């Protein structure tokens, strides 16, 4: 008559794990705003800084690039540095999320948040 109570206990355990994961993910979101990565282009002549959320935080350009004839080159280097920073930010974010899912039996390559 009370066979089904085992499933209720399992459900309660799953809910507790889900709440724990939710709290950990909130912490990860806060940490991602603080993790800063630097993307580079042109052998470091253009550098873009972004946080792990992908928000651009800074841009540094070597003064030697400020030649009007090289405008298109500089623009391309800026875009390349930003893309590099964004790729590194995505990697940092994924690494932080992996820490949350690590002990929960979820696949390591699972993309979070869903």
PDB file of N, CA and C in Angstrom:
ATOM      1  N   UNK A   1       0.807  -1.193   0.000  1.00  0.00           N
ATOM      2  CA  UNK A   1       0.000   0.000   0.000  1.00  0.00           C
ATOM      3  C   UNK A   1       0.860   1.270   0.000  1.00  0.00           C
ATOM      4  N   UNK A   2       2.062   1.246   0.563  1.00  0.00           N
ATOM      5  CA  UNK A   2       2.911   2.425   0.622  1.00  0.00           C
ATOM      6  C   UNK A   2       4.112   2.308  -0.311  1.00  0.00           C
ATOM      7  N   UNK A   3       3.966   1.523  -1.358  1.00  0.00           N
ATOM      8  CA  UNK A   3       5.074   1.300  -2.284  1.00  0.00           C
ATOM      9  C   UNK A   3       5.548   2.596  -2.948  1.00  0.00           C
ATOM     10  N   UNK A   4       4.664   3.499  -3.218  1.00  0.00           N
ATOM     11  CA  UNK A   4       4.994   4.716  -3.964  1.00  0.00           C
ATOM     12  C   UNK A   4       5.770   5.754  -3.181  1.00  0.00           C
ATOM     13  N   UNK A   5       5.928   5.605  -1.885  1.00  0.00           N
ATOM     14  CA  UNK A   5       6.620   6.619  -1.090  1.00  0.00           C
ATOM     15  C   UNK A   5       8.098   6.737  -1.447  1.00  0.00           C
ATOM     16  N   UNK A   6       8.701   5.674  -1.952  1.00  0.00           N
ATOM     17  CA  UNK A   6      10.100   5.745  -2.376  1.00  0.00           C
ATOM     18  C   UNK A   6      10.286   6.751  -3.490  1.00  0.00           C
ATOM     19  N   UNK A   7       9.327   6.811  -4.393  1.00  0.00           N
ATOM     20  CA  UNK A   7       9.406   7.768  -5.497  1.00  0.00           C
ATOM     21  C   UNK A   7       9.266   9.204  -5.007  1.00  0.00           C
ATOM     22  N   UNK A   8       8.461   9.413  -3.976  1.00  0.00           N
ATOM     23  CA  UNK A   8       8.299  10.759  -3.419  1.00  0.00           C
ATOM     24  C   UNK A   8       9.623  11.225  -2.822  1.00  0.00           C
ATOM     25  N   UNK A   9      10.305  10.322  -2.135  1.00  0.00           N
ATOM     26  CA  UNK A   9      11.611  10.651  -1.580  1.00  0.00           C
ATOM     27  C   UNK A   9      12.610  10.995  -2.665  1.00  0.00           C
ATOM     28  N   UNK A  10      12.579  10.226  -3.763  1.00  0.00           N
ATOM     29  CA  UNK A  10      13.471  10.512  -4.894  1.00  0.00           C
ATOM     30  C   UNK A  10      13.168  11.882  -5.494  1.00  0.00           C
ATOM     31  N   UNK A  11      11.875  12.209  -5.593  1.00  0.00           N
ATOM     32  CA  UNK A  11      11.467  13.499  -6.155  1.00  0.00           C
ATOM     33  C   UNK A  11      11.934  14.634  -5.244  1.00  0.00           C
ATOM     34  N   UNK A  12      11.804  14.446  -3.936  1.00  0.00           N
ATOM     35  CA  UNK A  12      12.249  15.473  -2.996  1.00  0.00           C
ATOM     36  C   UNK A  12      13.758  15.675  -3.105  1.00  0.00           C
ATOM     37  N   UNK A  13      14.494  14.586  -3.282  1.00  0.00           N
ATOM     38  CA  UNK A  13      15.947  14.669  -3.439  1.00  0.00           C
ATOM     39  C   UNK A  13      16.290  15.443  -4.717  1.00  0.00           C
ATOM     40  N   UNK A  14      15.572  15.145  -5.794  1.00  0.00           N
ATOM     41  CA  UNK A  14      15.809  15.847  -7.062  1.00  0.00           C
ATOM     42  C   UNK A  14      15.500  17.335  -6.930  1.00  0.00           C
ATOM     43  N   UNK A  15      14.433  17.664  -6.220  1.00  0.00           N
ATOM     44  CA  UNK A  15      14.063  19.074  -6.037  1.00  0.00           C
ATOM     45  C   UNK A  15      15.138  19.800  -5.229  1.00  0.00           C
ATOM     46  N   UNK A  16      15.661  19.129  -4.215  1.00  0.00           N
ATOM     47  CA  UNK A  16      16.707  19.726  -3.387  1.00  0.00           C
ATOM     48  C   UNK A  16      17.964  19.965  -4.229  1.00  0.00           C
ATOM     49  N   UNK A  17      18.310  18.996  -5.081  1.00  0.00           N
ATOM     50  CA  UNK A  17      19.463  19.164  -5.966  1.00  0.00           C
ATOM     51  C   UNK A  17      19.234  20.317  -6.941  1.00  0.00           C
ATOM     52  N   UNK A  18      18.022  20.419  -7.468  1.00  0.00           N
ATOM     53  CA  UNK A  18      17.705  21.491  -8.412  1.00  0.00           C
ATOM     54  C   UNK A  18      17.822  22.854  -7.732  1.00  0.00           C
ATOM     55  N   UNK A  19      17.367  22.965  -6.485  1.00  0.00           N
ATOM     56  CA  UNK A  19      17.478  24.225  -5.752  1.00  0.00           C
ATOM     57  C   UNK A  19      18.943  24.575  -5.501  1.00  0.00           C
ATOM     58  N   UNK A  20      19.734  23.562  -5.158  1.00  0.00           N
ATOM     59  CA  UNK A  20      21.158  23.777  -4.921  1.00  0.00           C
ATOM     60  C   UNK A  20      21.835  24.256  -6.209  1.00  0.00           C
ATOM     61  N   UNK A  21      21.498  23.609  -7.309  1.00  0.00           N
ATOM     62  CA  UNK A  21      22.087  23.975  -8.596  1.00  0.00           C
ATOM     63  C   UNK A  21      21.686  25.401  -8.982  1.00  0.00           C
ATOM     64  N   UNK A  22      20.437  25.753  -8.716  1.00  0.00           N
ATOM     65  CA  UNK A  22      19.970  27.101  -9.031  1.00  0.00           C
ATOM     66  C   UNK A  22      20.758  28.140  -8.234  1.00  0.00           C
ATOM     67  N   UNK A  23      20.990  27.879  -6.962  1.00  0.00           N
ATOM     68  CA  UNK A  23      21.759  28.806  -6.132  1.00  0.00           C
ATOM     69  C   UNK A  23      23.200  28.904  -6.631  1.00  0.00           C
ATOM     70  N   UNK A  24      23.787  27.772  -7.002  1.00  0.00           N
ATOM     71  CA  UNK A  24      25.154  27.776  -7.507  1.00  0.00           C
ATOM     72  C   UNK A  24      25.246  28.527  -8.826  1.00  0.00           C
ATOM     73  N   UNK A  25      24.241  28.371  -9.679  1.00  0.00           N
ATOM     74  CA  UNK A  25      24.249  29.074 -10.964  1.00  0.00           C
ATOM     75  C   UNK A  25      24.138  30.584 -10.767  1.00  0.00           C
ATOM     76  N   UNK A  26      23.384  31.004  -9.748  1.00  0.00           N
ATOM     77  CA  UNK A  26      23.294  32.435  -9.457  1.00  0.00           C
ATOM     78  C   UNK A  26      24.674  32.965  -9.064  1.00  0.00           C
ATOM     79  N   UNK A  27      25.404  32.182  -8.294  1.00  0.00           N
ATOM     80  CA  UNK A  27      26.763  32.571  -7.921  1.00  0.00           C
ATOM     81  C   UNK A  27      27.679  32.625  -9.126  1.00  0.00           C
ATOM     82  N   UNK A  28      27.515  31.676 -10.027  1.00  0.00           N
ATOM     83  CA  UNK A  28      28.331  31.648 -11.248  1.00  0.00           C
ATOM     84  C   UNK A  28      28.056  32.899 -12.078  1.00  0.00           C
ATOM     85  N   UNK A  29      26.795  33.279 -12.187  1.00  0.00           N
ATOM     86  CA  UNK A  29      26.445  34.472 -12.965  1.00  0.00           C
ATOM     87  C   UNK A  29      27.141  35.704 -12.390  1.00  0.00           C
ATOM     88  N   UNK A  30      27.196  35.794 -11.071  1.00  0.00           N
ATOM     89  CA  UNK A  30      27.887  36.923 -10.437  1.00  0.00           C
ATOM     90  C   UNK A  30      29.388  36.881 -10.732  1.00  0.00           C
ATOM     91  N   UNK A  31      29.977  35.678 -10.631  1.00  0.00           N
ATOM     92  CA  UNK A  31      31.422  35.548 -10.880  1.00  0.00           C
ATOM     93  C   UNK A  31      31.763  35.855 -12.334  1.00  0.00           C
ATOM     94  N   UNK A  32      30.877  35.519 -13.270  1.00  0.00           N
ATOM     95  CA  UNK A  32      31.165  35.756 -14.688  1.00  0.00           C
ATOM     96  C   UNK A  32      31.312  37.240 -14.997  1.00  0.00           C
ATOM     97  N   UNK A  33      30.631  38.078 -14.239  1.00  0.00           N
ATOM     98  CA  UNK A  33      30.770  39.523 -14.440  1.00  0.00           C
ATOM     99  C   UNK A  33      32.150  40.003 -13.994  1.00  0.00           C
ATOM    100  N   UNK A  34      32.804  39.232 -13.114  1.00  0.00           N
ATOM    101  CA  UNK A  34      34.101  39.627 -12.577  1.00  0.00           C
ATOM    102  C   UNK A  34      35.281  39.009 -13.319  1.00  0.00           C
ATOM    103  N   UNK A  35      35.039  37.956 -14.088  1.00  0.00           N
ATOM    104  CA  UNK A  35      36.118  37.296 -14.830  1.00  0.00           C
ATOM    105  C   UNK A  35      36.403  38.112 -16.085  1.00  0.00           C
ATOM    106  N   UNK A  36      37.633  38.606 -16.200  1.00  0.00           N
ATOM    107  CA  UNK A  36      38.009  39.429 -17.352  1.00  0.00           C
ATOM    108  C   UNK A  36      39.009  38.659 -18.211  1.00  0.00           C
ATOM    109  N   UNK A  37      38.730  38.610 -19.511  1.00  0.00           N
ATOM    110  CA  UNK A  37      39.632  37.982 -20.474  1.00  0.00           C
ATOM    111  C   UNK A  37      40.053  39.050 -21.480  1.00  0.00           C
ATOM    112  N   UNK A  38      41.201  38.823 -22.112  1.00  0.00           N
ATOM    113  CA  UNK A  38      41.717  39.786 -23.090  1.00  0.00           C
ATOM    114  C   UNK A  38      41.897  39.103 -24.431  1.00  0.00           C
ATOM    115  N   UNK A  39      41.299  39.671 -25.456  1.00  0.00           N
ATOM    116  CA  UNK A  39      41.487  39.205 -26.824  1.00  0.00           C
ATOM    117  C   UNK A  39      42.483  40.124 -27.509  1.00  0.00           C
ATOM    118  N   UNK A  40      43.293  39.552 -28.389  1.00  0.00           N
ATOM    119  CA  UNK A  40      44.316  40.341 -29.060  1.00  0.00           C
ATOM    120  C   UNK A  40      44.271  40.142 -30.566  1.00  0.00           C
ATOM    121  N   UNK A  41      44.777  41.150 -31.273  1.00  0.00           N
ATOM    122  CA  UNK A  41      44.924  41.064 -32.725  1.00  0.00           C
ATOM    123  C   UNK A  41      46.139  41.898 -33.104  1.00  0.00           C
ATOM    124  N   UNK A  42      46.713  41.578 -34.254  1.00  0.00           N
ATOM    125  CA  UNK A  42      47.866  42.332 -34.727  1.00  0.00           C
ATOM    126  C   UNK A  42      49.052  42.228 -33.789  1.00  0.00           C
ATOM    127  N   UNK A  43      49.339  41.020 -33.328  1.00  0.00           N
ATOM    128  CA  UNK A  43      50.462  40.765 -32.411  1.00  0.00           C
ATOM    129  C   UNK A  43      50.376  41.626 -31.152  1.00  0.00           C
ATOM    130  N   UNK A  44      49.147  41.807 -30.663  1.00  0.00           N
ATOM    131  CA  UNK A  44      48.949  42.550 -29.429  1.00  0.00           C
ATOM    132  C   UNK A  44      48.819  44.050 -29.602  1.00  0.00           C
ATOM    133  N   UNK A  45      48.779  44.529 -30.834  1.00  0.00           N
ATOM    134  CA  UNK A  45      48.669  45.967 -31.059  1.00  0.00           C
ATOM    135  C   UNK A  45      47.258  46.475 -30.760  1.00  0.00           C
ATOM    136  N   UNK A  46      46.285  45.571 -30.839  1.00  0.00           N
ATOM    137  CA  UNK A  46      44.911  45.899 -30.462  1.00  0.00           C
ATOM    138  C   UNK A  46      44.466  44.852 -29.449  1.00  0.00           C
ATOM    139  N   UNK A  47      43.976  45.323 -28.305  1.00  0.00           N
ATOM    140  CA  UNK A  47      43.523  44.421 -27.250  1.00  0.00           C
ATOM    141  C   UNK A  47      42.113  44.814 -26.829  1.00  0.00           C
ATOM    142  N   UNK A  48      41.263  43.812 -26.682  1.00  0.00           N
ATOM    143  CA  UNK A  48      39.901  44.036 -26.220  1.00  0.00           C
ATOM    144  C   UNK A  48      39.692  43.210 -24.954  1.00  0.00           C
ATOM    145  N   UNK A  49      39.134  43.833 -23.935  1.00  0.00           N
ATOM    146  CA  UNK A  49      38.837  43.141 -22.686  1.00  0.00           C
ATOM    147  C   UNK A  49      37.328  42.946 -22.573  1.00  0.00           C
ATOM    148  N   UNK A  50      36.942  41.740 -22.155  1.00  0.00           N
ATOM    149  CA  UNK A  50      35.531  41.424 -21.964  1.00  0.00           C
ATOM    150  C   UNK A  50      35.396  40.580 -20.709  1.00  0.00           C
ATOM    151  N   UNK A  51      34.195  40.632 -20.108  1.00  0.00           N
ATOM    152  CA  UNK A  51      33.974  39.725 -18.984  1.00  0.00           C
ATOM    153  C   UNK A  51      33.405  38.420 -19.524  1.00  0.00           C
ATOM    154  N   UNK A  52      33.254  37.430 -18.654  1.00  0.00           N
ATOM    155  CA  UNK A  52      32.801  36.113 -19.097  1.00  0.00           C
ATOM    156  C   UNK A  52      31.342  36.127 -19.554  1.00  0.00           C
ATOM    157  N   UNK A  53      30.649  37.230 -19.332  1.00  0.00           N
ATOM    158  CA  UNK A  53      29.293  37.390 -19.860  1.00  0.00           C
ATOM    159  C   UNK A  53      29.332  37.869 -21.315  1.00  0.00           C
ATOM    160  N   UNK A  54      30.546  38.214 -21.786  1.00  0.00           N
ATOM    161  CA  UNK A  54      30.696  38.676 -23.157  1.00  0.00           C
ATOM    162  C   UNK A  54      30.565  40.185 -23.308  1.00  0.00           C
ATOM    163  N   UNK A  55      30.497  40.902 -22.201  1.00  0.00           N
ATOM    164  CA  UNK A  55      30.375  42.357 -22.255  1.00  0.00           C
ATOM    165  C   UNK A  55      31.755  42.976 -22.463  1.00  0.00           C
ATOM    166  N   UNK A  56      31.883  43.816 -23.467  1.00  0.00           N
ATOM    167  CA  UNK A  56      33.139  44.495 -23.745  1.00  0.00           C
ATOM    168  C   UNK A  56      33.422  45.490 -22.628  1.00  0.00           C
ATOM    169  N   UNK A  57      34.610  45.396 -22.031  1.00  0.00           N
ATOM    170  CA  UNK A  57      34.960  46.240 -20.893  1.00  0.00           C
ATOM    171  C   UNK A  57      36.074  47.234 -21.195  1.00  0.00           C
ATOM    172  N   UNK A  58      36.864  46.968 -22.216  1.00  0.00           N
ATOM    173  CA  UNK A  58      37.946  47.890 -22.525  1.00  0.00           C
ATOM    174  C   UNK A  58      38.536  47.612 -23.889  1.00  0.00           C
ATOM    175  N   UNK A  59      39.178  48.623 -24.443  1.00  0.00           N
ATOM    176  CA  UNK A  59      39.809  48.513 -25.753  1.00  0.00           C
ATOM    177  C   UNK A  59      41.099  49.328 -25.715  1.00  0.00           C
ATOM    178  N   UNK A  60      42.204  48.698 -26.098  1.00  0.00           N
ATOM    179  CA  UNK A  60      43.499  49.380 -26.119  1.00  0.00           C
ATOM    180  C   UNK A  60      44.091  49.248 -27.516  1.00  0.00           C
ATOM    181  N   UNK A  61      44.527  50.382 -28.049  1.00  0.00           N
ATOM    182  CA  UNK A  61      45.089  50.410 -29.397  1.00  0.00           C
ATOM    183  C   UNK A  61      46.473  51.042 -29.334  1.00  0.00           C
ATOM    184  N   UNK A  62      47.455  50.354 -29.887  1.00  0.00           N
ATOM    185  CA  UNK A  62      48.819  50.878 -29.928  1.00  0.00           C
ATOM    186  C   UNK A  62      48.811  52.153 -30.770  1.00  0.00           C
ATOM    187  N   UNK A  63      49.393  53.247 -30.248  1.00  0.00           N
ATOM    188  CA  UNK A  63      49.382  54.529 -30.971  1.00  0.00           C
ATOM    189  C   UNK A  63      50.015  54.466 -32.356  1.00  0.00           C
ATOM    190  N   UNK A  64      50.906  53.522 -32.588  1.00  0.00           N
ATOM    191  CA  UNK A  64      51.554  53.440 -33.898  1.00  0.00           C
ATOM    192  C   UNK A  64      50.569  53.085 -35.011  1.00  0.00           C
ATOM    193  N   UNK A  65      49.392  52.641 -34.655  1.00  0.00           N
ATOM    194  CA  UNK A  65      48.389  52.271 -35.662  1.00  0.00           C
ATOM    195  C   UNK A  65      47.595  53.471 -36.177  1.00  0.00           C
ATOM    196  N   UNK A  66      47.770  54.621 -35.584  1.00  0.00           N
ATOM    197  CA  UNK A  66      46.964  55.769 -35.964  1.00  0.00           C
ATOM    198  C   UNK A  66      47.529  56.498 -37.178  1.00  0.00           C
ATOM    199  N   UNK A  67      47.511  55.826 -38.283  1.00  0.00           N
ATOM    200  CA  UNK A  67      47.902  56.390 -39.564  1.00  0.00           C
ATOM    201  C   UNK A  67      46.642  56.380 -40.426  1.00  0.00           C
ATOM    202  N   UNK A  68      46.204  57.529 -40.929  1.00  0.00           N
ATOM    203  CA  UNK A  68      44.965  57.577 -41.714  1.00  0.00           C
ATOM    204  C   UNK A  68      44.919  56.578 -42.876  1.00  0.00           C
ATOM    205  N   UNK A  69      46.081  56.249 -43.434  1.00  0.00           N
ATOM    206  CA  UNK A  69      46.108  55.310 -44.553  1.00  0.00           C
ATOM    207  C   UNK A  69      45.814  53.874 -44.108  1.00  0.00           C
ATOM    208  N   UNK A  70      45.958  53.604 -42.804  1.00  0.00           N
ATOM    209  CA  UNK A  70      45.762  52.256 -42.286  1.00  0.00           C
ATOM    210  C   UNK A  70      44.417  52.084 -41.579  1.00  0.00           C
ATOM    211  N   UNK A  71      43.478  52.976 -41.808  1.00  0.00           N
ATOM    212  CA  UNK A  71      42.198  52.953 -41.122  1.00  0.00           C
ATOM    213  C   UNK A  71      41.503  51.603 -41.233  1.00  0.00           C
ATOM    214  N   UNK A  72      41.436  51.037 -42.422  1.00  0.00           N
ATOM    215  CA  UNK A  72      40.740  49.757 -42.613  1.00  0.00           C
ATOM    216  C   UNK A  72      41.448  48.626 -41.881  1.00  0.00           C
ATOM    217  N   UNK A  73      42.761  48.658 -41.857  1.00  0.00           N
ATOM    218  CA  UNK A  73      43.527  47.643 -41.136  1.00  0.00           C
ATOM    219  C   UNK A  73      43.217  47.729 -39.641  1.00  0.00           C
ATOM    220  N   UNK A  74      43.212  48.947 -39.112  1.00  0.00           N
ATOM    221  CA  UNK A  74      42.923  49.140 -37.689  1.00  0.00           C
ATOM    222  C   UNK A  74      41.512  48.667 -37.363  1.00  0.00           C
ATOM    223  N   UNK A  75      40.552  49.002 -38.208  1.00  0.00           N
ATOM    224  CA  UNK A  75      39.173  48.560 -37.983  1.00  0.00           C
ATOM    225  C   UNK A  75      39.091  47.031 -37.950  1.00  0.00           C
ATOM    226  N   UNK A  76      39.788  46.371 -38.879  1.00  0.00           N
ATOM    227  CA  UNK A  76      39.795  44.907 -38.911  1.00  0.00           C
ATOM    228  C   UNK A  76      40.447  44.325 -37.658  1.00  0.00           C
ATOM    229  N   UNK A  77      41.530  44.956 -37.201  1.00  0.00           N
ATOM    230  CA  UNK A  77      42.205  44.485 -35.990  1.00  0.00           C
ATOM    231  C   UNK A  77      41.308  44.652 -34.759  1.00  0.00           C
ATOM    232  N   UNK A  78      40.576  45.752 -34.707  1.00  0.00           N
ATOM    233  CA  UNK A  78      39.659  45.970 -33.581  1.00  0.00           C
ATOM    234  C   UNK A  78      38.591  44.878 -33.565  1.00  0.00           C
ATOM    235  N   UNK A  79      38.001  44.613 -34.708  1.00  0.00           N
ATOM    236  CA  UNK A  79      36.986  43.559 -34.776  1.00  0.00           C
ATOM    237  C   UNK A  79      37.564  42.201 -34.404  1.00  0.00           C
ATOM    238  N   UNK A  80      38.765  41.911 -34.869  1.00  0.00           N
ATOM    239  CA  UNK A  80      39.396  40.625 -34.553  1.00  0.00           C
ATOM    240  C   UNK A  80      39.668  40.505 -33.057  1.00  0.00           C
ATOM    241  N   UNK A  81      40.124  41.585 -32.429  1.00  0.00           N
ATOM    242  CA  UNK A  81      40.392  41.553 -30.990  1.00  0.00           C
ATOM    243  C   UNK A  81      39.105  41.361 -30.198  1.00  0.00           C
ATOM    244  N   UNK A  82      38.047  42.027 -30.611  1.00  0.00           N
ATOM    245  CA  UNK A  82      36.759  41.874 -29.931  1.00  0.00           C
ATOM    246  C   UNK A  82      36.249  40.445 -30.074  1.00  0.00           C
ATOM    247  N   UNK A  83      36.325  39.892 -31.276  1.00  0.00           N
ATOM    248  CA  UNK A  83      35.881  38.508 -31.480  1.00  0.00           C
ATOM    249  C   UNK A  83      36.709  37.533 -30.653  1.00  0.00           C
ATOM    250  N   UNK A  84      38.002  37.774 -30.546  1.00  0.00           N
ATOM    251  CA  UNK A  84      38.874  36.920 -29.737  1.00  0.00           C
ATOM    252  C   UNK A  84      38.475  37.006 -28.263  1.00  0.00           C
ATOM    253  N   UNK A  85      38.214  38.221 -27.786  1.00  0.00           N
ATOM    254  CA  UNK A  85      37.799  38.397 -26.393  1.00  0.00           C
ATOM    255  C   UNK A  85      36.460  37.714 -26.131  1.00  0.00           C
ATOM    256  N   UNK A  86      35.530  37.831 -27.071  1.00  0.00           N
ATOM    257  CA  UNK A  86      34.224  37.196 -26.891  1.00  0.00           C
ATOM    258  C   UNK A  86      34.336  35.677 -26.888  1.00  0.00           C
ATOM    259  N   UNK A  87      35.203  35.114 -27.732  1.00  0.00           N
ATOM    260  CA  UNK A  87      35.402  33.664 -27.744  1.00  0.00           C
ATOM    261  C   UNK A  87      35.996  33.199 -26.419  1.00  0.00           C
ATOM    262  N   UNK A  88      36.966  33.950 -25.907  1.00  0.00           N
ATOM    263  CA  UNK A  88      37.565  33.594 -24.620  1.00  0.00           C
ATOM    264  C   UNK A  88      36.556  33.747 -23.489  1.00  0.00           C
ATOM    265  N   UNK A  89      35.693  34.747 -23.589  1.00  0.00           N
ATOM    266  CA  UNK A  89      34.656  34.944 -22.573  1.00  0.00           C
ATOM    267  C   UNK A  89      33.688  33.759 -22.569  1.00  0.00           C
ATOM    268  N   UNK A  90      33.327  33.285 -23.749  1.00  0.00           N
ATOM    269  CA  UNK A  90      32.427  32.124 -23.837  1.00  0.00           C
ATOM    270  C   UNK A  90      33.084  30.887 -23.228  1.00  0.00           C
ATOM    271  N   UNK A  91      34.377  30.705 -23.463  1.00  0.00           N
ATOM    272  CA  UNK A  91      35.098  29.570 -22.881  1.00  0.00           C
ATOM    273  C   UNK A  91      35.130  29.674 -21.358  1.00  0.00           C
ATOM    274  N   UNK A  92      35.372  30.888 -20.849  1.00  0.00           N
ATOM    275  CA  UNK A  92      35.415  31.088 -19.398  1.00  0.00           C
ATOM    276  C   UNK A  92      34.044  30.829 -18.775  1.00  0.00           C
ATOM    277  N   UNK A  93      32.994  31.271 -19.454  1.00  0.00           N
ATOM    278  CA  UNK A  93      31.639  31.045 -18.951  1.00  0.00           C
ATOM    279  C   UNK A  93      31.319  29.558 -18.923  1.00  0.00           C
ATOM    280  N   UNK A  94      31.695  28.842 -19.966  1.00  0.00           N
ATOM    281  CA  UNK A  94      31.441  27.409 -20.018  1.00  0.00           C
ATOM    282  C   UNK A  94      32.210  26.679 -18.923  1.00  0.00           C
ATOM    283  N   UNK A  95      33.426  27.115 -18.647  1.00  0.00           N
ATOM    284  CA  UNK A  95      34.222  26.492 -17.586  1.00  0.00           C
ATOM    285  C   UNK A  95      33.572  26.715 -16.224  1.00  0.00           C
ATOM    286  N   UNK A  96      33.018  27.906 -16.003  1.00  0.00           N
ATOM    287  CA  UNK A  96      32.335  28.188 -14.738  1.00  0.00           C
ATOM    288  C   UNK A  96      31.080  27.335 -14.594  1.00  0.00           C
ATOM    289  N   UNK A  97      30.320  27.192 -15.669  1.00  0.00           N
ATOM    290  CA  UNK A  97      29.104  26.375 -15.627  1.00  0.00           C
ATOM    291  C   UNK A  97      29.444  24.903 -15.391  1.00  0.00           C
ATOM    292  N   UNK A  98      30.558  24.451 -15.963  1.00  0.00           N
ATOM    293  CA  UNK A  98      30.974  23.057 -15.789  1.00  0.00           C
ATOM    294  C   UNK A  98      31.249  22.755 -14.327  1.00  0.00           C
ATOM    295  N   UNK A  99      31.735  23.741 -13.580  1.00  0.00           N
ATOM    296  CA  UNK A  99      31.985  23.549 -12.151  1.00  0.00           C
ATOM    297  C   UNK A  99      30.687  23.245 -11.412  1.00  0.00           C
ATOM    298  N   UNK A 100      29.583  23.867 -11.845  1.00  0.00           N
ATOM    299  CA  UNK A 100      28.293  23.662 -11.195  1.00  0.00           C
ATOM    300  C   UNK A 100      27.768  22.260 -11.477  1.00  0.00           C
ATOM    301  N   UNK A 101      27.896  21.816 -12.716  1.00  0.00           N
ATOM    302  CA  UNK A 101      27.309  20.538 -13.120  1.00  0.00           C
ATOM    303  C   UNK A 101      28.210  19.345 -12.820  1.00  0.00           C
ATOM    304  N   UNK A 102      29.453  19.616 -12.461  1.00  0.00           N
ATOM    305  CA  UNK A 102      30.464  18.578 -12.284  1.00  0.00           C
ATOM    306  C   UNK A 102      30.015  17.413 -11.400  1.00  0.00           C
ATOM    307  N   UNK A 103      29.509  17.693 -10.221  1.00  0.00           N
ATOM    308  CA  UNK A 103      29.167  16.631  -9.282  1.00  0.00           C
ATOM    309  C   UNK A 103      27.738  16.159  -9.372  1.00  0.00           C
ATOM    310  N   UNK A 104      27.014  16.588 -10.382  1.00  0.00           N
ATOM    311  CA  UNK A 104      25.593  16.257 -10.453  1.00  0.00           C
ATOM    312  C   UNK A 104      25.276  15.161 -11.466  1.00  0.00           C
ATOM    313  N   UNK A 105      26.303  14.595 -12.059  1.00  0.00           N
ATOM    314  CA  UNK A 105      26.061  13.520 -13.013  1.00  0.00           C
ATOM    315  C   UNK A 105      25.586  13.996 -14.376  1.00  0.00           C
ATOM    316  N   UNK A 106      25.689  15.287 -14.648  1.00  0.00           N
ATOM    317  CA  UNK A 106      25.287  15.815 -15.955  1.00  0.00           C
ATOM    318  C   UNK A 106      26.477  15.737 -16.904  1.00  0.00           C
ATOM    319  N   UNK A 107      26.222  15.619 -18.204  1.00  0.00           N
ATOM    320  CA  UNK A 107      27.326  15.554 -19.167  1.00  0.00           C
ATOM    321  C   UNK A 107      28.208  16.803 -19.097  1.00  0.00           C
ATOM    322  N   UNK A 108      29.509  16.625 -19.205  1.00  0.00           N
ATOM    323  CA  UNK A 108      30.452  17.742 -19.097  1.00  0.00           C
ATOM    324  C   UNK A 108      30.232  18.787 -20.183  1.00  0.00           C
ATOM    325  N   UNK A 109      29.764  18.383 -21.360  1.00  0.00           N
ATOM    326  CA  UNK A 109      29.583  19.330 -22.456  1.00  0.00           C
ATOM    327  C   UNK A 109      28.161  19.899 -22.517  1.00  0.00           C
ATOM    328  N   UNK A 110      27.384  19.676 -21.481  1.00  0.00           N
ATOM    329  CA  UNK A 110      26.012  20.188 -21.450  1.00  0.00           C
ATOM    330  C   UNK A 110      26.041  21.703 -21.393  1.00  0.00           C
ATOM    331  N   UNK A 111      25.309  22.347 -22.273  1.00  0.00           N
ATOM    332  CA  UNK A 111      25.296  23.806 -22.348  1.00  0.00           C
ATOM    333  C   UNK A 111      24.269  24.358 -21.360  1.00  0.00           C
ATOM    334  N   UNK A 112      24.740  25.193 -20.416  1.00  0.00           N
ATOM    335  CA  UNK A 112      23.863  25.824 -19.448  1.00  0.00           C
ATOM    336  C   UNK A 112      24.090  27.332 -19.511  1.00  0.00           C
ATOM    337  N   UNK A 113      23.136  28.159 -19.203  1.00  0.00           N
ATOM    338  CA  UNK A 113      21.761  27.756 -18.936  1.00  0.00           C
ATOM    339  C   UNK A 113      21.088  27.298 -20.216  1.00  0.00           C
ATOM    340  N   UNK A 114      20.053  26.522 -20.061  1.00  0.00           N
ATOM    341  CA  UNK A 114      19.370  25.894 -21.191  1.00  0.00           C
ATOM    342  C   UNK A 114      18.917  26.955 -22.123  1.00  0.00           C
TER     343      UNK A 114
END
